[in-house]
Amino acid sequence: MYYFYVLRFRKNAKLYYGFSSNLKNRIRDHKSGKSDFTSRNGKFDLIFYEAYINEKDARRAERYFKTGHGREVLTEKL
């Protein structure tokens, strides 16, 4: 499976949009500070994710949700 996910940081409400083939490990990497962006922004919550069978579909979702319209749709889902 492939995943598109969104993190929200507690201190500043910034959103991080990501893609991974192993969501559990990727979240663990974020928590341990292996990601530069997440290490600078502190604690976060996983607020949304979608699972895809095909990598291409997950990457397409990531690109879409990073657009203005995609962010609007995501806001409606939350």
C-alpha atoms as a PDB file:
ATOM      1  CA  MET A   1       0.000   0.000   0.000  1.00  0.00           C
ATOM      2  CA  TYR A   2       0.980   3.625  -0.536  1.00  0.00           C
ATOM      3  CA  TYR A   3      -0.175   6.498   1.598  1.00  0.00           C
ATOM      4  CA  PHE A   4      -0.806  10.201   1.310  1.00  0.00           C
ATOM      5  CA  TYR A   5      -0.937  11.841   4.737  1.00  0.00           C
ATOM      6  CA  VAL A   6      -1.216  15.210   6.447  1.00  0.00           C
ATOM      7  CA  LEU A   7       0.360  16.289   9.723  1.00  0.00           C
ATOM      8  CA  ARG A   8      -0.685  19.381  11.716  1.00  0.00           C
ATOM      9  CA  PHE A   9       1.873  20.928  14.039  1.00  0.00           C
ATOM     10  CA  ARG A  10       0.666  21.887  17.485  1.00  0.00           C
ATOM     11  CA  LYS A  11       2.746  25.031  18.031  1.00  0.00           C
ATOM     12  CA  ASN A  12       1.897  26.828  14.786  1.00  0.00           C
ATOM     13  CA  ALA A  13      -0.900  24.834  13.050  1.00  0.00           C
ATOM     14  CA  LYS A  14       1.264  24.401   9.934  1.00  0.00           C
ATOM     15  CA  LEU A  15       0.398  21.464   7.704  1.00  0.00           C
ATOM     16  CA  TYR A  16       2.826  18.944   6.259  1.00  0.00           C
ATOM     17  CA  TYR A  17       1.741  16.892   3.245  1.00  0.00           C
ATOM     18  CA  GLY A  18       3.559  13.631   2.675  1.00  0.00           C
ATOM     19  CA  PHE A  19       3.733  10.340   0.821  1.00  0.00           C
ATOM     20  CA  SER A  20       5.021   6.979   2.020  1.00  0.00           C
ATOM     21  CA  SER A  21       4.901   3.298   1.255  1.00  0.00           C
ATOM     22  CA  ASN A  22       5.050   2.576   5.004  1.00  0.00           C
ATOM     23  CA  LEU A  23       3.056   5.111   6.988  1.00  0.00           C
ATOM     24  CA  LYS A  24       3.876   3.683  10.398  1.00  0.00           C
ATOM     25  CA  ASN A  25       7.635   3.901   9.807  1.00  0.00           C
ATOM     26  CA  ARG A  26       7.372   7.343   8.242  1.00  0.00           C
ATOM     27  CA  ILE A  27       5.498   8.738  11.250  1.00  0.00           C
ATOM     28  CA  ARG A  28       8.149   7.210  13.506  1.00  0.00           C
ATOM     29  CA  ASP A  29      10.840   8.960  11.407  1.00  0.00           C
ATOM     30  CA  HIS A  30       9.026  12.273  11.783  1.00  0.00           C
ATOM     31  CA  LYS A  31       8.760  11.822  15.552  1.00  0.00           C
ATOM     32  CA  SER A  32      12.449  10.963  15.896  1.00  0.00           C
ATOM     33  CA  GLY A  33      13.507  14.146  14.079  1.00  0.00           C
ATOM     34  CA  LYS A  34      14.811  12.496  10.903  1.00  0.00           C
ATOM     35  CA  SER A  35      12.790  14.936   8.809  1.00  0.00           C
ATOM     36  CA  ASP A  36      14.163  18.488   8.785  1.00  0.00           C
ATOM     37  CA  PHE A  37      10.746  20.166   8.507  1.00  0.00           C
ATOM     38  CA  THR A  38       9.171  18.169  11.318  1.00  0.00           C
ATOM     39  CA  SER A  39      12.189  18.522  13.594  1.00  0.00           C
ATOM     40  CA  ARG A  40      11.958  22.341  13.285  1.00  0.00           C
ATOM     41  CA  ASN A  41       8.202  22.495  13.946  1.00  0.00           C
ATOM     42  CA  GLY A  42       7.853  20.246  16.987  1.00  0.00           C
ATOM     43  CA  LYS A  43       5.034  17.943  17.974  1.00  0.00           C
ATOM     44  CA  PHE A  44       2.307  17.121  15.512  1.00  0.00           C
ATOM     45  CA  ASP A  45      -0.862  15.131  14.991  1.00  0.00           C
ATOM     46  CA  LEU A  46      -1.668  12.898  12.038  1.00  0.00           C
ATOM     47  CA  ILE A  47      -4.928  14.479  10.916  1.00  0.00           C
ATOM     48  CA  PHE A  48      -5.616  12.731   7.608  1.00  0.00           C
ATOM     49  CA  TYR A  49      -4.442   9.880   5.434  1.00  0.00           C
ATOM     50  CA  GLU A  50      -5.594   7.892   2.427  1.00  0.00           C
ATOM     51  CA  ALA A  51      -4.321   4.491   1.315  1.00  0.00           C
ATOM     52  CA  TYR A  52      -3.752   3.560  -2.322  1.00  0.00           C
ATOM     53  CA  ILE A  53      -2.872   0.318  -4.037  1.00  0.00           C
ATOM     54  CA  ASN A  54      -0.815   2.062  -6.718  1.00  0.00           C
ATOM     55  CA  GLU A  55       2.110   4.377  -5.999  1.00  0.00           C
ATOM     56  CA  LYS A  56       1.130   6.584  -8.933  1.00  0.00           C
ATOM     57  CA  ASP A  57      -2.292   7.255  -7.389  1.00  0.00           C
ATOM     58  CA  ALA A  58      -0.829   8.183  -4.000  1.00  0.00           C
ATOM     59  CA  ARG A  59       1.668  10.584  -5.586  1.00  0.00           C
ATOM     60  CA  ARG A  60      -1.129  12.123  -7.654  1.00  0.00           C
ATOM     61  CA  ALA A  61      -3.155  12.676  -4.466  1.00  0.00           C
ATOM     62  CA  GLU A  62      -0.170  14.328  -2.798  1.00  0.00           C
ATOM     63  CA  ARG A  63       0.289  16.719  -5.730  1.00  0.00           C
ATOM     64  CA  TYR A  64      -3.444  17.496  -5.833  1.00  0.00           C
ATOM     65  CA  PHE A  65      -3.815  18.222  -2.121  1.00  0.00           C
ATOM     66  CA  LYS A  66      -0.834  20.591  -2.258  1.00  0.00           C
ATOM     67  CA  THR A  67      -2.743  22.810  -4.729  1.00  0.00           C
ATOM     68  CA  GLY A  68      -5.112  25.583  -3.668  1.00  0.00           C
ATOM     69  CA  HIS A  69      -8.218  23.632  -4.664  1.00  0.00           C
ATOM     70  CA  GLY A  70      -6.883  20.454  -3.037  1.00  0.00           C
ATOM     71  CA  ARG A  71      -6.283  22.283   0.246  1.00  0.00           C
ATOM     72  CA  GLU A  72      -9.882  23.559   0.134  1.00  0.00           C
ATOM     73  CA  VAL A  73     -11.220  20.030  -0.385  1.00  0.00           C
ATOM     74  CA  LEU A  74      -9.033  18.702   2.403  1.00  0.00           C
ATOM     75  CA  THR A  75     -10.290  21.424   4.755  1.00  0.00           C
ATOM     76  CA  GLU A  76     -13.866  20.310   4.035  1.00  0.00           C
ATOM     77  CA  LYS A  77     -12.943  16.696   4.898  1.00  0.00           C
ATOM     78  CA  LEU A  78     -11.483  17.742   8.247  1.00  0.00           C
END
